[in-house]
Amino acid sequence: MQPTLRDGDLLLVGWGADARPGGVAVVRLPADDAGRPRPISVKRLVRRERGGWWVERDSSVEGVDSWQVGAVPERDVLAVVLARLWPRPALALPDPRE
């Protein structure tokens, strides 16, 4: 999620919180082509679709998102990021693509 978030950032998340387009969420992505589970990820919520949430990464060069795996089912949007607590506290996580 660089440049918005970096490895090691401490996040405050709301389990079961309302997911909204433009927000950042903790999601479970589908398994890879070999059937191996992917790690839990933090992604930008773009829009709600019939099959779930379309999620994207903030970095255009690294990561996996709905462009590779399709919409993430609603049940796999595990939590909504409410704030970054450390190292640079922030309540709002702006979308750098805008």
Protein backbone atom coordinates (compact mmCIF):
# COMPACT_ATOMS: atom_id res chain seq x y z
CA MET A 1 0.00 0.00 0.00
CA GLN A 2 2.93 2.35 -0.44
CA PRO A 3 2.98 5.31 -0.49
CA THR A 4 -0.03 5.44 1.89
CA LEU A 5 1.22 2.70 4.24
CA ARG A 6 4.58 1.03 4.76
CA ASP A 7 5.65 -2.31 6.23
CA GLY A 8 5.63 -2.00 10.01
CA ASP A 9 2.93 0.68 10.27
CA LEU A 10 0.68 0.07 13.28
CA LEU A 11 -2.99 0.31 12.29
CA LEU A 12 -6.19 0.65 14.30
CA VAL A 13 -8.87 -1.44 12.61
CA GLY A 14 -12.57 -1.88 13.18
CA TRP A 15 -13.71 -5.50 12.88
CA GLY A 16 -17.18 -5.47 11.35
CA ALA A 17 -17.02 -1.71 10.68
CA ASP A 18 -18.85 -0.26 7.67
CA ALA A 19 -16.79 -0.64 4.52
CA ARG A 20 -17.00 2.38 2.21
CA PRO A 21 -15.55 3.16 -1.21
CA GLY A 22 -12.23 4.98 -0.90
CA GLY A 23 -11.50 3.43 2.49
CA VAL A 24 -8.72 1.03 3.36
CA ALA A 25 -9.51 -2.48 4.58
CA VAL A 26 -7.95 -5.71 5.78
CA VAL A 27 -8.93 -8.40 3.26
CA ARG A 28 -8.42 -12.07 2.56
CA LEU A 29 -7.49 -12.49 -1.12
CA PRO A 30 -8.30 -15.71 -3.00
CA ALA A 31 -5.66 -18.46 -3.20
CA ASP A 32 -3.07 -18.23 -5.99
CA ASP A 33 -3.18 -20.36 -9.15
CA ALA A 34 -1.43 -23.23 -7.34
CA GLY A 35 -4.04 -23.19 -4.56
CA ARG A 36 -1.71 -21.64 -1.97
CA PRO A 37 -3.38 -19.13 0.37
CA ARG A 38 -2.19 -15.55 0.12
CA PRO A 39 -1.37 -13.56 3.27
CA ILE A 40 -4.01 -11.27 4.76
CA SER A 41 -3.64 -7.94 2.94
CA VAL A 42 -4.45 -4.26 3.29
CA LYS A 43 -6.16 -2.84 0.20
CA ARG A 44 -8.07 0.22 -0.98
CA LEU A 45 -11.84 -0.35 -1.34
CA VAL A 46 -12.82 1.00 -4.75
CA ARG A 47 -16.44 -0.04 -5.25
CA ARG A 48 -19.00 -2.59 -4.16
CA GLU A 49 -19.91 -5.00 -6.95
CA ARG A 50 -22.32 -7.86 -7.31
CA GLY A 51 -19.60 -10.38 -6.35
CA GLY A 52 -18.18 -8.37 -3.45
CA TRP A 53 -15.67 -5.52 -3.24
CA TRP A 54 -13.35 -4.36 -5.98
CA VAL A 55 -10.05 -3.68 -4.17
CA GLU A 56 -6.88 -2.08 -5.45
CA ARG A 57 -3.36 -1.43 -4.26
CA ASP A 58 -2.01 2.11 -3.98
CA SER A 59 1.29 1.09 -5.60
CA SER A 60 1.11 0.59 -9.35
CA VAL A 61 4.19 -1.64 -9.42
CA GLU A 62 3.78 -4.10 -6.55
CA GLY A 63 1.08 -6.32 -5.06
CA VAL A 64 -2.07 -8.21 -5.97
CA ASP A 65 -5.53 -6.70 -6.27
CA SER A 66 -8.87 -7.19 -8.02
CA TRP A 67 -7.24 -6.66 -11.42
CA GLN A 68 -5.63 -10.09 -10.90
CA VAL A 69 -8.18 -11.93 -8.71
CA GLY A 70 -11.55 -10.24 -9.31
CA ALA A 71 -13.88 -8.89 -6.65
CA VAL A 72 -13.24 -9.95 -3.05
CA PRO A 73 -16.34 -11.53 -1.45
CA GLU A 74 -17.98 -9.43 1.27
CA ARG A 75 -17.13 -12.08 3.91
CA ASP A 76 -13.41 -11.66 3.06
CA VAL A 77 -13.39 -7.95 3.90
CA LEU A 78 -12.34 -8.60 7.49
CA ALA A 79 -11.89 -5.11 8.96
CA VAL A 80 -11.76 -1.45 8.03
CA VAL A 81 -8.65 0.61 8.79
CA LEU A 82 -9.67 3.47 11.08
CA ALA A 83 -6.27 5.12 11.62
CA ARG A 84 -2.53 4.70 11.38
CA LEU A 85 -1.14 4.92 14.93
CA TRP A 86 2.59 4.66 14.31
CA PRO A 87 5.03 5.95 13.09
CA ARG A 88 3.09 8.84 11.50
CA PRO A 89 -0.36 9.07 13.17
CA ALA A 90 -3.19 9.78 10.74
CA LEU A 91 -6.96 9.44 11.01
CA ALA A 92 -7.53 9.79 7.29
CA LEU A 93 -5.56 7.73 4.80
CA PRO A 94 -5.79 9.72 1.55
CA ASP A 95 -5.79 7.99 -1.79
CA PRO A 96 -2.54 9.10 -3.48
CA ARG A 97 -3.98 8.21 -6.90
CA GLU A 98 -6.42 11.15 -6.74
